[in-house]
């Protein structure tokens, strides 16, 4: 039951984080592509990394405040560092999938983000819950 409650709360937190991520990616992608003159590939990668990073910060703050009550680490800096490390792996997965959907497959960036979000959501929740937000043993 606890896993279910954490799961739906994390889903809501992730939805908020994803909205931040998507808003930032759209603005940065069009800025990089149109105003900065970067290639499509460079625009996708740069804007996605920055937008996912913004979403990651929102996700951490909301996760520790609203979702997870048990915490493995007392040192919040260590906890955040591991949270970010998991997030970096999630960003790598997310960015590779977004690039695949947008560049070779030719989908719109928001469609690519939505498809990639599902995979990175499952990875991030599982890794964070297992490594960070369970009682210390």
N, C-alpha and C. Protein backbone atom coordinates (compact mmCIF):
# COMPACT_ATOMS: atom_id res chain seq x y z
N UNK A 1 0.82 -1.20 0.00
CA UNK A 1 0.00 0.00 0.00
C UNK A 1 0.87 1.26 0.00
N UNK A 2 1.95 1.23 0.77
CA UNK A 2 2.85 2.38 0.82
C UNK A 2 3.45 2.64 -0.56
N UNK A 3 3.85 1.57 -1.26
CA UNK A 3 4.41 1.72 -2.60
C UNK A 3 3.40 2.35 -3.54
N UNK A 4 2.14 1.97 -3.42
CA UNK A 4 1.08 2.55 -4.26
C UNK A 4 0.96 4.05 -3.99
N UNK A 5 0.92 4.45 -2.72
CA UNK A 5 0.78 5.87 -2.37
C UNK A 5 1.99 6.67 -2.84
N UNK A 6 3.18 6.12 -2.63
CA UNK A 6 4.36 6.82 -3.12
C UNK A 6 4.34 6.89 -4.64
N UNK A 7 3.89 5.83 -5.28
CA UNK A 7 3.85 5.77 -6.73
C UNK A 7 2.95 6.84 -7.34
N UNK A 8 1.73 7.00 -6.82
CA UNK A 8 0.83 8.01 -7.41
C UNK A 8 1.28 9.42 -7.07
N UNK A 9 1.85 9.61 -5.87
CA UNK A 9 2.38 10.93 -5.54
C UNK A 9 3.57 11.27 -6.42
N UNK A 10 4.44 10.28 -6.64
CA UNK A 10 5.59 10.51 -7.50
C UNK A 10 5.13 10.77 -8.94
N UNK A 11 4.07 10.12 -9.35
CA UNK A 11 3.51 10.37 -10.68
C UNK A 11 3.09 11.83 -10.80
N UNK A 12 2.40 12.36 -9.78
CA UNK A 12 1.97 13.76 -9.81
C UNK A 12 3.17 14.72 -9.80
N UNK A 13 4.14 14.43 -8.95
CA UNK A 13 5.35 15.24 -8.89
C UNK A 13 6.07 15.20 -10.24
N UNK A 14 6.13 14.02 -10.83
CA UNK A 14 6.78 13.88 -12.13
C UNK A 14 6.01 14.62 -13.21
N UNK A 15 4.69 14.63 -13.11
CA UNK A 15 3.88 15.37 -14.09
C UNK A 15 4.18 16.87 -14.01
N UNK A 16 4.29 17.39 -12.80
CA UNK A 16 4.63 18.80 -12.63
C UNK A 16 6.04 19.06 -13.17
N UNK A 17 6.96 18.19 -12.84
CA UNK A 17 8.33 18.33 -13.33
C UNK A 17 8.38 18.24 -14.85
N UNK A 18 7.58 17.35 -15.42
CA UNK A 18 7.53 17.20 -16.87
C UNK A 18 6.97 18.45 -17.54
N UNK A 19 5.98 19.08 -16.91
CA UNK A 19 5.46 20.33 -17.48
C UNK A 19 6.54 21.41 -17.50
N UNK A 20 7.30 21.51 -16.42
CA UNK A 20 8.42 22.45 -16.39
C UNK A 20 9.42 22.09 -17.49
N UNK A 21 9.77 20.82 -17.57
CA UNK A 21 10.70 20.31 -18.57
C UNK A 21 10.22 20.66 -19.98
N UNK A 22 8.96 20.37 -20.28
CA UNK A 22 8.43 20.60 -21.63
C UNK A 22 8.37 22.08 -21.98
N UNK A 23 7.98 22.90 -21.04
CA UNK A 23 7.93 24.34 -21.31
C UNK A 23 9.33 24.87 -21.61
N UNK A 24 10.29 24.43 -20.83
CA UNK A 24 11.67 24.89 -21.03
C UNK A 24 12.23 24.37 -22.35
N UNK A 25 11.96 23.09 -22.67
CA UNK A 25 12.53 22.51 -23.90
C UNK A 25 11.99 23.20 -25.15
N UNK A 26 10.71 23.52 -25.15
CA UNK A 26 10.13 24.18 -26.33
C UNK A 26 10.78 25.54 -26.55
N UNK A 27 10.89 26.33 -25.48
CA UNK A 27 11.48 27.66 -25.59
C UNK A 27 12.94 27.56 -26.02
N UNK A 28 13.70 26.72 -25.34
CA UNK A 28 15.13 26.62 -25.64
C UNK A 28 15.39 26.02 -27.02
N UNK A 29 14.60 25.03 -27.42
CA UNK A 29 14.77 24.40 -28.74
C UNK A 29 14.58 25.42 -29.85
N UNK A 30 13.51 26.17 -29.77
CA UNK A 30 13.26 27.17 -30.81
C UNK A 30 14.27 28.32 -30.77
N UNK A 31 14.70 28.68 -29.57
CA UNK A 31 15.73 29.70 -29.43
C UNK A 31 17.04 29.22 -30.05
N UNK A 32 17.44 27.98 -29.71
CA UNK A 32 18.70 27.43 -30.22
C UNK A 32 18.64 27.23 -31.73
N UNK A 33 17.52 26.76 -32.23
CA UNK A 33 17.38 26.47 -33.65
C UNK A 33 17.26 27.74 -34.47
N UNK A 34 16.43 28.68 -34.02
CA UNK A 34 16.14 29.87 -34.81
C UNK A 34 17.06 31.05 -34.51
N UNK A 35 17.24 31.37 -33.25
CA UNK A 35 17.99 32.58 -32.90
C UNK A 35 19.49 32.35 -32.81
N UNK A 36 19.89 31.16 -32.35
CA UNK A 36 21.32 30.88 -32.21
C UNK A 36 21.89 30.17 -33.43
N UNK A 37 21.01 29.65 -34.27
CA UNK A 37 21.46 29.02 -35.50
C UNK A 37 22.12 27.67 -35.32
N UNK A 38 21.86 26.99 -34.22
CA UNK A 38 22.43 25.66 -34.03
C UNK A 38 21.73 24.66 -34.95
N UNK A 39 22.40 23.57 -35.24
CA UNK A 39 21.79 22.52 -36.05
C UNK A 39 20.62 21.90 -35.29
N UNK A 40 19.79 21.18 -35.99
CA UNK A 40 18.65 20.51 -35.36
C UNK A 40 19.12 19.55 -34.28
N UNK A 41 20.13 18.77 -34.60
CA UNK A 41 20.65 17.79 -33.65
C UNK A 41 21.21 18.47 -32.39
N UNK A 42 22.01 19.51 -32.57
CA UNK A 42 22.59 20.24 -31.43
C UNK A 42 21.50 20.93 -30.62
N UNK A 43 20.49 21.46 -31.30
CA UNK A 43 19.38 22.12 -30.61
C UNK A 43 18.61 21.15 -29.74
N UNK A 44 18.36 19.94 -30.28
CA UNK A 44 17.64 18.91 -29.52
C UNK A 44 18.42 18.53 -28.28
N UNK A 45 19.70 18.23 -28.45
CA UNK A 45 20.51 17.75 -27.33
C UNK A 45 20.68 18.84 -26.27
N UNK A 46 21.07 20.04 -26.66
CA UNK A 46 21.31 21.12 -25.70
C UNK A 46 20.03 21.51 -24.96
N UNK A 47 18.95 21.71 -25.69
CA UNK A 47 17.71 22.14 -25.04
C UNK A 47 17.16 21.04 -24.14
N UNK A 48 17.31 19.78 -24.55
CA UNK A 48 16.79 18.69 -23.72
C UNK A 48 17.58 18.54 -22.43
N UNK A 49 18.88 18.64 -22.49
CA UNK A 49 19.70 18.52 -21.27
C UNK A 49 19.35 19.63 -20.28
N UNK A 50 19.23 20.85 -20.75
CA UNK A 50 18.90 21.97 -19.86
C UNK A 50 17.48 21.85 -19.30
N UNK A 51 16.53 21.45 -20.14
CA UNK A 51 15.15 21.36 -19.68
C UNK A 51 14.96 20.22 -18.68
N UNK A 52 15.61 19.09 -18.94
CA UNK A 52 15.51 17.97 -18.00
C UNK A 52 16.16 18.35 -16.67
N UNK A 53 17.22 19.12 -16.72
CA UNK A 53 17.87 19.58 -15.48
C UNK A 53 16.93 20.45 -14.65
N UNK A 54 16.20 21.33 -15.32
CA UNK A 54 15.22 22.17 -14.60
C UNK A 54 14.14 21.29 -13.98
N UNK A 55 13.67 20.32 -14.73
CA UNK A 55 12.66 19.40 -14.20
C UNK A 55 13.20 18.57 -13.05
N UNK A 56 14.47 18.20 -13.11
CA UNK A 56 15.10 17.40 -12.06
C UNK A 56 15.12 18.15 -10.73
N UNK A 57 15.43 19.42 -10.77
CA UNK A 57 15.45 20.23 -9.53
C UNK A 57 14.05 20.32 -8.93
N UNK A 58 13.06 20.59 -9.77
CA UNK A 58 11.67 20.63 -9.30
C UNK A 58 11.28 19.27 -8.71
N UNK A 59 11.66 18.20 -9.39
CA UNK A 59 11.32 16.86 -8.93
C UNK A 59 11.92 16.56 -7.57
N UNK A 60 13.19 16.90 -7.36
CA UNK A 60 13.83 16.65 -6.07
C UNK A 60 13.11 17.39 -4.95
N UNK A 61 12.90 18.67 -5.16
CA UNK A 61 12.28 19.48 -4.11
C UNK A 61 10.90 18.96 -3.74
N UNK A 62 10.10 18.61 -4.74
CA UNK A 62 8.75 18.10 -4.46
C UNK A 62 8.78 16.67 -3.91
N UNK A 63 9.72 15.85 -4.38
CA UNK A 63 9.81 14.46 -3.90
C UNK A 63 10.11 14.39 -2.42
N UNK A 64 11.09 15.17 -1.97
CA UNK A 64 11.44 15.11 -0.55
C UNK A 64 10.40 15.79 0.33
N UNK A 65 9.66 16.72 -0.26
CA UNK A 65 8.64 17.43 0.52
C UNK A 65 7.32 16.66 0.57
N UNK A 66 6.93 16.04 -0.56
CA UNK A 66 5.58 15.49 -0.67
C UNK A 66 5.46 13.98 -0.85
N UNK A 67 6.51 13.33 -1.32
CA UNK A 67 6.35 11.92 -1.72
C UNK A 67 6.96 10.95 -0.72
N UNK A 68 8.23 11.03 -0.53
CA UNK A 68 8.95 10.01 0.23
C UNK A 68 9.15 10.45 1.67
N UNK A 69 8.71 9.62 2.59
CA UNK A 69 8.84 9.94 4.01
C UNK A 69 10.09 9.29 4.61
N UNK A 70 10.48 8.13 4.10
CA UNK A 70 11.69 7.47 4.58
C UNK A 70 12.86 7.92 3.73
N UNK A 71 13.98 8.10 4.41
CA UNK A 71 15.17 8.53 3.70
C UNK A 71 16.35 7.74 4.21
N UNK A 72 17.16 7.27 3.32
CA UNK A 72 18.29 6.42 3.65
C UNK A 72 19.47 7.23 4.20
N UNK A 73 19.64 8.46 3.73
CA UNK A 73 20.80 9.27 4.09
C UNK A 73 20.39 10.46 4.94
N UNK A 74 21.17 10.71 5.98
CA UNK A 74 20.94 11.91 6.79
C UNK A 74 21.58 13.13 6.12
N UNK A 75 22.68 12.90 5.45
CA UNK A 75 23.39 13.99 4.77
C UNK A 75 22.63 14.34 3.48
N UNK A 76 21.98 15.49 3.47
CA UNK A 76 21.15 15.90 2.34
C UNK A 76 21.99 16.18 1.10
N UNK A 77 23.22 16.59 1.29
CA UNK A 77 24.09 16.81 0.13
C UNK A 77 24.40 15.49 -0.56
N UNK A 78 24.67 14.45 0.21
CA UNK A 78 24.92 13.12 -0.37
C UNK A 78 23.65 12.61 -1.05
N UNK A 79 22.52 12.80 -0.39
CA UNK A 79 21.25 12.39 -0.97
C UNK A 79 21.00 13.08 -2.30
N UNK A 80 21.20 14.39 -2.34
CA UNK A 80 20.98 15.15 -3.57
C UNK A 80 21.97 14.72 -4.65
N UNK A 81 23.21 14.44 -4.27
CA UNK A 81 24.21 13.99 -5.25
C UNK A 81 23.79 12.67 -5.90
N UNK A 82 23.29 11.75 -5.11
CA UNK A 82 22.82 10.47 -5.66
C UNK A 82 21.56 10.69 -6.48
N UNK A 83 20.67 11.54 -6.01
CA UNK A 83 19.46 11.89 -6.76
C UNK A 83 19.85 12.44 -8.13
N UNK A 84 20.84 13.31 -8.16
CA UNK A 84 21.30 13.90 -9.42
C UNK A 84 21.97 12.83 -10.29
N UNK A 85 22.77 11.95 -9.69
CA UNK A 85 23.43 10.89 -10.47
C UNK A 85 22.38 10.00 -11.16
N UNK A 86 21.34 9.65 -10.43
CA UNK A 86 20.25 8.89 -11.04
C UNK A 86 19.59 9.73 -12.13
N UNK A 87 19.42 11.01 -11.84
CA UNK A 87 18.84 11.91 -12.83
C UNK A 87 19.69 12.02 -14.09
N UNK A 88 21.01 12.01 -13.93
CA UNK A 88 21.89 12.08 -15.10
C UNK A 88 21.72 10.83 -15.96
N UNK A 89 21.61 9.68 -15.33
CA UNK A 89 21.34 8.46 -16.10
C UNK A 89 19.99 8.57 -16.79
N UNK A 90 19.00 9.12 -16.08
CA UNK A 90 17.68 9.34 -16.68
C UNK A 90 17.73 10.34 -17.82
N UNK A 91 18.55 11.39 -17.67
CA UNK A 91 18.72 12.39 -18.74
C UNK A 91 19.35 11.73 -19.96
N UNK A 92 20.33 10.88 -19.74
CA UNK A 92 20.98 10.20 -20.87
C UNK A 92 19.97 9.33 -21.62
N UNK A 93 19.18 8.57 -20.89
CA UNK A 93 18.14 7.75 -21.51
C UNK A 93 17.14 8.63 -22.23
N UNK A 94 16.67 9.67 -21.55
CA UNK A 94 15.67 10.58 -22.11
C UNK A 94 16.19 11.28 -23.36
N UNK A 95 17.40 11.81 -23.29
CA UNK A 95 17.97 12.55 -24.42
C UNK A 95 18.18 11.64 -25.63
N UNK A 96 18.69 10.45 -25.39
CA UNK A 96 18.89 9.51 -26.50
C UNK A 96 17.55 9.18 -27.18
N UNK A 97 16.52 8.96 -26.37
CA UNK A 97 15.21 8.65 -26.95
C UNK A 97 14.61 9.84 -27.68
N UNK A 98 14.72 11.05 -27.09
CA UNK A 98 14.19 12.25 -27.75
C UNK A 98 14.92 12.46 -29.08
N UNK A 99 16.24 12.34 -29.07
CA UNK A 99 17.01 12.50 -30.31
C UNK A 99 16.54 11.48 -31.35
N UNK A 100 16.38 10.24 -30.94
CA UNK A 100 15.93 9.18 -31.86
C UNK A 100 14.57 9.52 -32.47
N UNK A 101 13.65 9.97 -31.64
CA UNK A 101 12.31 10.27 -32.13
C UNK A 101 12.29 11.51 -33.03
N UNK A 102 13.10 12.52 -32.71
CA UNK A 102 13.03 13.80 -33.44
C UNK A 102 13.92 13.79 -34.69
N UNK A 103 15.17 13.37 -34.53
CA UNK A 103 16.10 13.51 -35.66
C UNK A 103 15.90 12.40 -36.70
N UNK A 104 16.16 11.12 -36.41
CA UNK A 104 15.99 10.13 -37.47
C UNK A 104 14.52 9.86 -37.83
N UNK A 105 13.64 9.86 -36.82
CA UNK A 105 12.24 9.52 -37.09
C UNK A 105 11.39 10.72 -37.50
N UNK A 106 11.87 11.93 -37.25
CA UNK A 106 11.19 13.13 -37.73
C UNK A 106 9.94 13.53 -36.97
N UNK A 107 9.77 13.06 -35.73
CA UNK A 107 8.60 13.45 -34.94
C UNK A 107 8.80 14.84 -34.35
N UNK A 108 7.72 15.49 -33.97
CA UNK A 108 7.80 16.78 -33.28
C UNK A 108 8.46 16.58 -31.92
N UNK A 109 9.14 17.59 -31.44
CA UNK A 109 9.90 17.45 -30.19
C UNK A 109 8.99 17.11 -29.00
N UNK A 110 7.79 17.66 -28.93
CA UNK A 110 6.90 17.32 -27.81
C UNK A 110 6.45 15.87 -27.86
N UNK A 111 6.23 15.33 -29.05
CA UNK A 111 5.88 13.91 -29.17
C UNK A 111 7.05 13.05 -28.69
N UNK A 112 8.25 13.43 -29.10
CA UNK A 112 9.44 12.72 -28.63
C UNK A 112 9.61 12.78 -27.13
N UNK A 113 9.35 13.96 -26.55
CA UNK A 113 9.46 14.13 -25.09
C UNK A 113 8.45 13.25 -24.35
N UNK A 114 7.23 13.20 -24.86
CA UNK A 114 6.19 12.41 -24.21
C UNK A 114 6.55 10.93 -24.24
N UNK A 115 7.00 10.46 -25.39
CA UNK A 115 7.37 9.04 -25.50
C UNK A 115 8.55 8.71 -24.58
N UNK A 116 9.54 9.57 -24.55
CA UNK A 116 10.72 9.32 -23.72
C UNK A 116 10.41 9.44 -22.23
N UNK A 117 9.44 10.28 -21.89
CA UNK A 117 9.10 10.51 -20.48
C UNK A 117 8.64 9.24 -19.78
N UNK A 118 7.89 8.41 -20.48
CA UNK A 118 7.41 7.17 -19.86
C UNK A 118 8.54 6.26 -19.43
N UNK A 119 9.52 6.10 -20.30
CA UNK A 119 10.66 5.24 -19.99
C UNK A 119 11.49 5.83 -18.85
N UNK A 120 11.78 7.12 -18.93
CA UNK A 120 12.62 7.72 -17.89
C UNK A 120 11.88 7.81 -16.55
N UNK A 121 10.54 7.93 -16.58
CA UNK A 121 9.76 7.95 -15.33
C UNK A 121 9.96 6.64 -14.57
N UNK A 122 9.78 5.52 -15.24
CA UNK A 122 9.91 4.21 -14.59
C UNK A 122 11.32 4.02 -14.05
N UNK A 123 12.32 4.35 -14.86
CA UNK A 123 13.70 4.22 -14.42
C UNK A 123 13.97 5.08 -13.18
N UNK A 124 13.60 6.36 -13.23
CA UNK A 124 13.88 7.28 -12.13
C UNK A 124 13.17 6.89 -10.84
N UNK A 125 11.89 6.52 -10.92
CA UNK A 125 11.15 6.15 -9.72
C UNK A 125 11.78 4.91 -9.08
N UNK A 126 12.02 3.88 -9.87
CA UNK A 126 12.57 2.64 -9.33
C UNK A 126 13.94 2.87 -8.70
N UNK A 127 14.81 3.55 -9.41
CA UNK A 127 16.16 3.77 -8.89
C UNK A 127 16.15 4.65 -7.64
N UNK A 128 15.37 5.71 -7.65
CA UNK A 128 15.34 6.61 -6.50
C UNK A 128 14.72 5.94 -5.27
N UNK A 129 13.67 5.21 -5.48
CA UNK A 129 13.04 4.55 -4.35
C UNK A 129 13.98 3.49 -3.76
N UNK A 130 14.59 2.70 -4.62
CA UNK A 130 15.48 1.63 -4.14
C UNK A 130 16.76 2.15 -3.49
N UNK A 131 17.33 3.19 -4.07
CA UNK A 131 18.64 3.66 -3.59
C UNK A 131 18.57 4.77 -2.55
N UNK A 132 17.48 5.54 -2.54
CA UNK A 132 17.43 6.71 -1.67
C UNK A 132 16.31 6.70 -0.64
N UNK A 133 15.13 6.35 -1.06
CA UNK A 133 13.96 6.60 -0.23
C UNK A 133 13.36 5.33 0.35
N UNK A 134 14.21 4.58 1.00
CA UNK A 134 13.80 3.44 1.83
C UNK A 134 14.59 3.57 3.13
N UNK A 135 14.11 2.91 4.13
CA UNK A 135 14.78 3.01 5.44
C UNK A 135 16.19 2.44 5.34
N UNK A 136 17.12 3.06 6.05
CA UNK A 136 18.49 2.56 6.11
C UNK A 136 18.48 1.20 6.80
N UNK A 137 19.32 0.31 6.35
CA UNK A 137 19.33 -1.06 6.91
C UNK A 137 20.57 -1.32 7.72
